[in-house]
PDB file of all heavy atoms in Angstrom:
ATOM      1  N   LEU A   1       6.387  10.890   1.609  1.00  0.00           N
ATOM      2  CA  LEU A   1       5.087  10.703   2.266  1.00  0.00           C
ATOM      3  C   LEU A   1       4.451   9.381   1.632  1.00  0.00           C
ATOM      4  O   LEU A   1       3.831   8.628   2.365  1.00  0.00           O
ATOM      5  CB  LEU A   1       4.261  11.856   2.107  1.00  0.00           C
ATOM      6  CG  LEU A   1       4.507  13.087   2.982  1.00  0.00           C
ATOM      7  CD1 LEU A   1       3.652  14.255   2.557  1.00  0.00           C
ATOM      8  CD2 LEU A   1       4.416  12.794   4.454  1.00  0.00           C
ATOM      9  N   ARG A   2       4.457   9.420   0.359  1.00  0.00           N
ATOM     10  CA  ARG A   2       3.977   8.166  -0.436  1.00  0.00           C
ATOM     11  C   ARG A   2       4.546   6.964   0.048  1.00  0.00           C
ATOM     12  O   ARG A   2       3.821   5.937   0.277  1.00  0.00           O
ATOM     13  CB  ARG A   2       3.964   8.441  -1.957  1.00  0.00           C
ATOM     14  CG  ARG A   2       3.546   7.172  -2.662  1.00  0.00           C
ATOM     15  CD  ARG A   2       3.549   7.438  -4.257  1.00  0.00           C
ATOM     16  NE  ARG A   2       4.774   7.936  -4.679  1.00  0.00           N
ATOM     17  CZ  ARG A   2       5.917   7.188  -4.877  1.00  0.00           C
ATOM     18  NH1 ARG A   2       5.859   5.883  -4.420  1.00  0.00           N
ATOM     19  NH2 ARG A   2       7.035   7.830  -5.287  1.00  0.00           N
ATOM     20  N   GLN A   3       5.887   6.912   0.090  1.00  0.00           N
ATOM     21  CA  GLN A   3       6.544   5.626   0.564  1.00  0.00           C
ATOM     22  C   GLN A   3       6.223   5.319   1.906  1.00  0.00           C
ATOM     23  O   GLN A   3       6.086   4.126   2.330  1.00  0.00           O
ATOM     24  CB  GLN A   3       8.026   5.816   0.280  1.00  0.00           C
ATOM     25  CG  GLN A   3       8.402   5.853  -1.246  1.00  0.00           C
ATOM     26  CD  GLN A   3       9.871   6.174  -1.367  1.00  0.00           C
ATOM     27  OE1 GLN A   3      10.707   5.807  -0.458  1.00  0.00           O
ATOM     28  NE2 GLN A   3      10.287   6.857  -2.467  1.00  0.00           N
ATOM     29  N   TRP A   4       6.044   6.322   2.842  1.00  0.00           N
ATOM     30  CA  TRP A   4       5.736   6.063   4.255  1.00  0.00           C
ATOM     31  C   TRP A   4       4.411   5.433   4.300  1.00  0.00           C
ATOM     32  O   TRP A   4       4.137   4.382   5.003  1.00  0.00           O
ATOM     33  CB  TRP A   4       5.917   7.298   4.964  1.00  0.00           C
ATOM     34  CG  TRP A   4       5.515   7.111   6.472  1.00  0.00           C
ATOM     35  CD1 TRP A   4       4.468   7.716   7.208  1.00  0.00           C
ATOM     36  CD2 TRP A   4       6.187   6.277   7.380  1.00  0.00           C
ATOM     37  NE1 TRP A   4       4.513   7.231   8.405  1.00  0.00           N
ATOM     38  CE2 TRP A   4       5.436   6.400   8.589  1.00  0.00           C
ATOM     39  CE3 TRP A   4       7.309   5.379   7.367  1.00  0.00           C
ATOM     40  CZ2 TRP A   4       5.902   5.672   9.792  1.00  0.00           C
ATOM     41  CZ3 TRP A   4       7.691   4.710   8.521  1.00  0.00           C
ATOM     42  CH2 TRP A   4       6.936   4.792   9.657  1.00  0.00           C
ATOM     43  N   VAL A   5       3.394   5.972   3.549  1.00  0.00           N
ATOM     44  CA  VAL A   5       2.059   5.551   3.599  1.00  0.00           C
ATOM     45  C   VAL A   5       2.010   4.111   3.067  1.00  0.00           C
ATOM     46  O   VAL A   5       1.272   3.217   3.510  1.00  0.00           O
ATOM     47  CB  VAL A   5       1.075   6.353   2.771  1.00  0.00           C
ATOM     48  CG1 VAL A   5      -0.247   5.729   2.621  1.00  0.00           C
ATOM     49  CG2 VAL A   5       0.916   7.798   3.534  1.00  0.00           C
ATOM     50  N   MET A   6       2.828   3.839   2.001  1.00  0.00           N
ATOM     51  CA  MET A   6       2.917   2.591   1.343  1.00  0.00           C
ATOM     52  C   MET A   6       3.378   1.519   2.307  1.00  0.00           C
ATOM     53  O   MET A   6       2.871   0.339   2.374  1.00  0.00           O
ATOM     54  CB  MET A   6       3.902   2.673   0.156  1.00  0.00           C
ATOM     55  CG  MET A   6       4.068   1.318  -0.665  1.00  0.00           C
ATOM     56  SD  MET A   6       4.835   1.691  -2.238  1.00  0.00           S
ATOM     57  CE  MET A   6       6.455   2.087  -1.506  1.00  0.00           C
ATOM     58  N   LEU A   7       4.355   1.821   3.107  1.00  0.00           N
ATOM     59  CA  LEU A   7       4.949   0.880   4.182  1.00  0.00           C
ATOM     60  C   LEU A   7       3.813   0.545   5.112  1.00  0.00           C
ATOM     61  O   LEU A   7       3.734  -0.541   5.624  1.00  0.00           O
ATOM     62  CB  LEU A   7       6.083   1.542   4.851  1.00  0.00           C
ATOM     63  CG  LEU A   7       7.409   1.685   4.073  1.00  0.00           C
ATOM     64  CD1 LEU A   7       8.404   2.416   4.793  1.00  0.00           C
ATOM     65  CD2 LEU A   7       7.927   0.246   3.594  1.00  0.00           C
ATOM     66  N   GLN A   8       2.921   1.496   5.490  1.00  0.00           N
ATOM     67  CA  GLN A   8       1.857   1.317   6.371  1.00  0.00           C
ATOM     68  C   GLN A   8       0.813   0.372   5.852  1.00  0.00           C
ATOM     69  O   GLN A   8       0.037  -0.348   6.531  1.00  0.00           O
ATOM     70  CB  GLN A   8       1.169   2.599   6.964  1.00  0.00           C
ATOM     71  CG  GLN A   8       2.189   3.440   7.750  1.00  0.00           C
ATOM     72  CD  GLN A   8       1.625   4.845   8.010  1.00  0.00           C
ATOM     73  OE1 GLN A   8       1.096   5.395   7.202  1.00  0.00           O
ATOM     74  NE2 GLN A   8       1.762   5.258   9.281  1.00  0.00           N
ATOM     75  N   LEU A   9       0.656   0.343   4.513  1.00  0.00           N
ATOM     76  CA  LEU A   9      -0.322  -0.410   3.885  1.00  0.00           C
ATOM     77  C   LEU A   9       0.070  -1.932   3.754  1.00  0.00           C
ATOM     78  O   LEU A   9      -0.685  -2.701   3.301  1.00  0.00           O
ATOM     79  CB  LEU A   9      -0.595   0.102   2.468  1.00  0.00           C
ATOM     80  CG  LEU A   9      -1.366   1.476   2.448  1.00  0.00           C
ATOM     81  CD1 LEU A   9      -1.388   1.985   1.048  1.00  0.00           C
ATOM     82  CD2 LEU A   9      -2.719   1.388   3.079  1.00  0.00           C
ATOM     83  N   ILE A  10       1.337  -2.333   4.012  1.00  0.00           N
ATOM     84  CA  ILE A  10       1.801  -3.543   3.696  1.00  0.00           C
ATOM     85  C   ILE A  10       1.410  -4.453   5.049  1.00  0.00           C
ATOM     86  O   ILE A  10       1.838  -4.071   6.008  1.00  0.00           O
ATOM     87  CB  ILE A  10       3.394  -3.654   3.500  1.00  0.00           C
ATOM     88  CG1 ILE A  10       3.637  -2.895   2.178  1.00  0.00           C
ATOM     89  CG2 ILE A  10       3.842  -5.087   3.315  1.00  0.00           C
ATOM     90  CD1 ILE A  10       5.131  -2.652   1.857  1.00  0.00           C
ATOM     91  N   PRO A  11       0.850  -5.539   4.842  1.00  0.00           N
ATOM     92  CA  PRO A  11       0.447  -6.361   6.032  1.00  0.00           C
ATOM     93  C   PRO A  11       1.574  -7.183   6.534  1.00  0.00           C
ATOM     94  O   PRO A  11       2.510  -7.410   5.863  1.00  0.00           O
ATOM     95  CB  PRO A  11      -0.667  -7.141   5.463  1.00  0.00           C
ATOM     96  CG  PRO A  11      -0.356  -7.475   4.073  1.00  0.00           C
ATOM     97  CD  PRO A  11       0.279  -6.170   3.592  1.00  0.00           C
ATOM     98  N   ARG A  12       1.444  -7.741   7.741  1.00  0.00           N
ATOM     99  CA  ARG A  12       2.345  -8.742   8.212  1.00  0.00           C
ATOM    100  C   ARG A  12       2.106 -10.126   7.795  1.00  0.00           C
ATOM    101  O   ARG A  12       0.907 -10.484   7.499  1.00  0.00           O
ATOM    102  CB  ARG A  12       2.342  -8.674   9.776  1.00  0.00           C
ATOM    103  CG  ARG A  12       3.399  -9.488  10.474  1.00  0.00           C
ATOM    104  CD  ARG A  12       3.321  -9.350  12.033  1.00  0.00           C
ATOM    105  NE  ARG A  12       3.884  -8.138  12.461  1.00  0.00           N
ATOM    106  CZ  ARG A  12       3.142  -7.170  13.133  1.00  0.00           C
ATOM    107  NH1 ARG A  12       1.773  -7.506  13.336  1.00  0.00           N
ATOM    108  NH2 ARG A  12       3.525  -6.035  13.540  1.00  0.00           N
ATOM    109  N   GLU A  13       3.093 -10.913   7.519  1.00  0.00           N
ATOM    110  CA  GLU A  13       2.851 -12.273   7.050  1.00  0.00           C
ATOM    111  C   GLU A  13       1.957 -13.084   8.107  1.00  0.00           C
ATOM    112  O   GLU A  13       2.030 -12.712   9.240  1.00  0.00           O
ATOM    113  CB  GLU A  13       4.151 -13.073   6.764  1.00  0.00           C
ATOM    114  CG  GLU A  13       5.040 -13.198   8.044  1.00  0.00           C
ATOM    115  CD  GLU A  13       6.272 -14.089   7.775  1.00  0.00           C
ATOM    116  OE1 GLU A  13       6.308 -14.858   6.821  1.00  0.00           O
ATOM    117  OE2 GLU A  13       7.366 -13.705   8.443  1.00  0.00           O
ATOM    118  N   PRO A  14       1.096 -13.896   7.686  1.00  0.00           N
ATOM    119  CA  PRO A  14       0.972 -14.498   6.281  1.00  0.00           C
ATOM    120  C   PRO A  14       0.296 -13.786   5.274  1.00  0.00           C
ATOM    121  O   PRO A  14       0.099 -14.196   4.147  1.00  0.00           O
ATOM    122  CB  PRO A  14       0.404 -15.915   6.475  1.00  0.00           C
ATOM    123  CG  PRO A  14      -0.616 -15.494   7.715  1.00  0.00           C
ATOM    124  CD  PRO A  14       0.195 -14.600   8.576  1.00  0.00           C
ATOM    125  N   GLY A  15      -0.107 -12.522   5.638  1.00  0.00           N
ATOM    126  CA  GLY A  15      -0.805 -11.634   4.554  1.00  0.00           C
ATOM    127  C   GLY A  15       0.308 -11.149   3.573  1.00  0.00           C
ATOM    128  O   GLY A  15       1.475 -11.439   3.833  1.00  0.00           O
ATOM    129  N   GLY A  16      -0.279 -10.479   2.535  1.00  0.00           N
ATOM    130  CA  GLY A  16       0.624  -9.929   1.531  1.00  0.00           C
ATOM    131  C   GLY A  16      -0.222  -8.996   0.590  1.00  0.00           C
ATOM    132  O   GLY A  16      -1.468  -9.141   0.644  1.00  0.00           O
ATOM    133  N   VAL A  17       0.524  -8.239  -0.065  1.00  0.00           N
ATOM    134  CA  VAL A  17      -0.118  -7.287  -0.986  1.00  0.00           C
ATOM    135  C   VAL A  17       0.716  -7.095  -2.243  1.00  0.00           C
ATOM    136  O   VAL A  17       1.954  -7.035  -2.125  1.00  0.00           O
ATOM    137  CB  VAL A  17      -0.379  -5.933  -0.265  1.00  0.00           C
ATOM    138  CG1 VAL A  17       0.828  -5.232   0.127  1.00  0.00           C
ATOM    139  CG2 VAL A  17      -1.259  -4.993  -1.164  1.00  0.00           C
ATOM    140  N   THR A  18       0.154  -7.020  -3.474  1.00  0.00           N
ATOM    141  CA  THR A  18       0.931  -6.815  -4.629  1.00  0.00           C
ATOM    142  C   THR A  18       1.053  -5.285  -4.967  1.00  0.00           C
ATOM    143  O   THR A  18       0.459  -4.460  -4.270  1.00  0.00           O
ATOM    144  CB  THR A  18       0.060  -7.431  -5.857  1.00  0.00           C
ATOM    145  OG1 THR A  18      -1.081  -6.657  -6.103  1.00  0.00           O
ATOM    146  CG2 THR A  18      -0.157  -8.953  -5.610  1.00  0.00           C
ATOM    147  N   ALA A  19       2.108  -5.101  -5.804  1.00  0.00           N
ATOM    148  CA  ALA A  19       2.365  -3.744  -6.171  1.00  0.00           C
ATOM    149  C   ALA A  19       1.170  -3.023  -6.716  1.00  0.00           C
ATOM    150  O   ALA A  19       0.889  -1.875  -6.618  1.00  0.00           O
ATOM    151  CB  ALA A  19       3.596  -3.622  -7.165  1.00  0.00           C
ATOM    152  N   GLN A  20       0.384  -3.824  -7.617  1.00  0.00           N
ATOM    153  CA  GLN A  20      -0.795  -3.319  -8.228  1.00  0.00           C
ATOM    154  C   GLN A  20      -1.890  -2.785  -7.219  1.00  0.00           C
ATOM    155  O   GLN A  20      -2.533  -1.901  -7.299  1.00  0.00           O
ATOM    156  CB  GLN A  20      -1.421  -4.355  -9.210  1.00  0.00           C
ATOM    157  CG  GLN A  20      -2.511  -3.787 -10.025  1.00  0.00           C
ATOM    158  CD  GLN A  20      -2.887  -4.767 -11.136  1.00  0.00           C
ATOM    159  OE1 GLN A  20      -2.360  -5.828 -11.271  1.00  0.00           O
ATOM    160  NE2 GLN A  20      -3.901  -4.384 -11.957  1.00  0.00           N
ATOM    161  N   GLN A  21      -2.019  -3.761  -6.149  1.00  0.00           N
ATOM    162  CA  GLN A  21      -2.938  -3.433  -5.055  1.00  0.00           C
ATOM    163  C   GLN A  21      -2.564  -2.235  -4.310  1.00  0.00           C
ATOM    164  O   GLN A  21      -3.351  -1.336  -3.991  1.00  0.00           O
ATOM    165  CB  GLN A  21      -3.141  -4.600  -4.140  1.00  0.00           C
ATOM    166  CG  GLN A  21      -3.815  -5.895  -4.736  1.00  0.00           C
ATOM    167  CD  GLN A  21      -3.741  -7.063  -3.914  1.00  0.00           C
ATOM    168  OE1 GLN A  21      -2.814  -7.187  -3.170  1.00  0.00           O
ATOM    169  NE2 GLN A  21      -4.767  -7.902  -3.957  1.00  0.00           N
ATOM    170  N   LEU A  22      -1.203  -2.139  -4.097  1.00  0.00           N
ATOM    171  CA  LEU A  22      -0.615  -0.877  -3.441  1.00  0.00           C
ATOM    172  C   LEU A  22      -1.034   0.354  -4.270  1.00  0.00           C
ATOM    173  O   LEU A  22      -1.280   1.454  -3.742  1.00  0.00           O
ATOM    174  CB  LEU A  22       0.836  -0.941  -3.100  1.00  0.00           C
ATOM    175  CG  LEU A  22       1.209  -1.882  -2.044  1.00  0.00           C
ATOM    176  CD1 LEU A  22       2.741  -2.050  -2.010  1.00  0.00           C
ATOM    177  CD2 LEU A  22       0.726  -1.395  -0.617  1.00  0.00           C
ATOM    178  N   GLN A  23      -0.803   0.300  -5.538  1.00  0.00           N
ATOM    179  CA  GLN A  23      -0.998   1.349  -6.428  1.00  0.00           C
ATOM    180  C   GLN A  23      -2.432   1.786  -6.319  1.00  0.00           C
ATOM    181  O   GLN A  23      -2.772   3.045  -6.259  1.00  0.00           O
ATOM    182  CB  GLN A  23      -0.774   0.865  -7.922  1.00  0.00           C
ATOM    183  CG  GLN A  23      -1.005   2.036  -8.949  1.00  0.00           C
ATOM    184  CD  GLN A  23      -0.941   1.449 -10.416  1.00  0.00           C
ATOM    185  OE1 GLN A  23      -1.132   0.188 -10.631  1.00  0.00           O
ATOM    186  NE2 GLN A  23      -0.504   2.165 -11.321  1.00  0.00           N
ATOM    187  N   ALA A  24      -3.383   0.903  -6.299  1.00  0.00           N
ATOM    188  CA  ALA A  24      -4.872   1.317  -6.245  1.00  0.00           C
ATOM    189  C   ALA A  24      -5.149   1.924  -4.775  1.00  0.00           C
ATOM    190  O   ALA A  24      -5.905   2.937  -4.664  1.00  0.00           O
ATOM    191  CB  ALA A  24      -5.760   0.055  -6.372  1.00  0.00           C
ATOM    192  N   LYS A  25      -4.544   1.282  -3.761  1.00  0.00           N
ATOM    193  CA  LYS A  25      -4.761   1.811  -2.459  1.00  0.00           C
ATOM    194  C   LYS A  25      -4.199   3.252  -2.240  1.00  0.00           C
ATOM    195  O   LYS A  25      -4.855   4.104  -1.667  1.00  0.00           O
ATOM    196  CB  LYS A  25      -4.161   0.966  -1.329  1.00  0.00           C
ATOM    197  CG  LYS A  25      -4.922  -0.299  -1.192  1.00  0.00           C
ATOM    198  CD  LYS A  25      -4.168  -1.185  -0.243  1.00  0.00           C
ATOM    199  CE  LYS A  25      -4.833  -2.629  -0.039  1.00  0.00           C
ATOM    200  NZ  LYS A  25      -6.122  -2.614   0.666  1.00  0.00           N
ATOM    201  N   LEU A  26      -2.957   3.490  -2.794  1.00  0.00           N
ATOM    202  CA  LEU A  26      -2.421   4.739  -2.604  1.00  0.00           C
ATOM    203  C   LEU A  26      -3.126   5.895  -3.476  1.00  0.00           C
ATOM    204  O   LEU A  26      -3.454   7.045  -2.948  1.00  0.00           O
ATOM    205  CB  LEU A  26      -0.967   4.760  -3.178  1.00  0.00           C
ATOM    206  CG  LEU A  26       0.058   3.905  -2.340  1.00  0.00           C
ATOM    207  CD1 LEU A  26       1.282   3.685  -3.091  1.00  0.00           C
ATOM    208  CD2 LEU A  26       0.323   4.722  -1.018  1.00  0.00           C
ATOM    209  N   ALA A  27      -3.603   5.533  -4.649  1.00  0.00           N
ATOM    210  CA  ALA A  27      -4.486   6.435  -5.485  1.00  0.00           C
ATOM    211  C   ALA A  27      -5.761   6.847  -4.700  1.00  0.00           C
ATOM    212  O   ALA A  27      -6.275   7.908  -4.879  1.00  0.00           O
ATOM    213  CB  ALA A  27      -4.671   5.910  -6.788  1.00  0.00           C
ATOM    214  N   GLY A  28      -6.274   5.856  -3.994  1.00  0.00           N
ATOM    215  CA  GLY A  28      -7.546   6.098  -3.294  1.00  0.00           C
ATOM    216  C   GLY A  28      -7.433   7.034  -2.014  1.00  0.00           C
ATOM    217  O   GLY A  28      -8.223   7.559  -1.653  1.00  0.00           O
ATOM    218  N   ILE A  29      -6.123   7.041  -1.552  1.00  0.00           N
ATOM    219  CA  ILE A  29      -5.847   7.751  -0.271  1.00  0.00           C
ATOM    220  C   ILE A  29      -5.645   9.308  -0.743  1.00  0.00           C
ATOM    221  O   ILE A  29      -6.113  10.138   0.000  1.00  0.00           O
ATOM    222  CB  ILE A  29      -4.682   7.214   0.550  1.00  0.00           C
ATOM    223  CG1 ILE A  29      -4.994   5.847   1.114  1.00  0.00           C
ATOM    224  CG2 ILE A  29      -4.136   8.203   1.536  1.00  0.00           C
ATOM    225  CD1 ILE A  29      -3.848   5.088   1.750  1.00  0.00           C
ATOM    226  N   ASP A  30      -4.852   9.503  -1.753  1.00  0.00           N
ATOM    227  CA  ASP A  30      -4.487  10.828  -2.187  1.00  0.00           C
ATOM    228  C   ASP A  30      -4.085  10.814  -3.745  1.00  0.00           C
ATOM    229  O   ASP A  30      -3.289   9.975  -4.090  1.00  0.00           O
ATOM    230  CB  ASP A  30      -3.256  11.381  -1.355  1.00  0.00           C
ATOM    231  CG  ASP A  30      -3.133  12.863  -1.517  1.00  0.00           C
ATOM    232  OD1 ASP A  30      -3.232  13.310  -2.772  1.00  0.00           O
ATOM    233  OD2 ASP A  30      -2.699  13.581  -0.609  1.00  0.00           O
ATOM    234  N   PRO A  31      -4.732  11.662  -4.545  1.00  0.00           N
ATOM    235  CA  PRO A  31      -4.449  11.641  -5.904  1.00  0.00           C
ATOM    236  C   PRO A  31      -2.875  11.930  -6.156  1.00  0.00           C
ATOM    237  O   PRO A  31      -2.372  11.438  -7.187  1.00  0.00           O
ATOM    238  CB  PRO A  31      -5.259  12.746  -6.508  1.00  0.00           C
ATOM    239  CG  PRO A  31      -6.378  12.907  -5.570  1.00  0.00           C
ATOM    240  CD  PRO A  31      -5.835  12.569  -4.210  1.00  0.00           C
TER     241      PRO A  31
END
């Protein structure tokens, strides 16, 4: 579930997101 949510949080180029930003977003969605 976490990996699926993580894939949904990744933007399409030219956007981008770092692993650290994904870490914060995931923790905010579900502990």
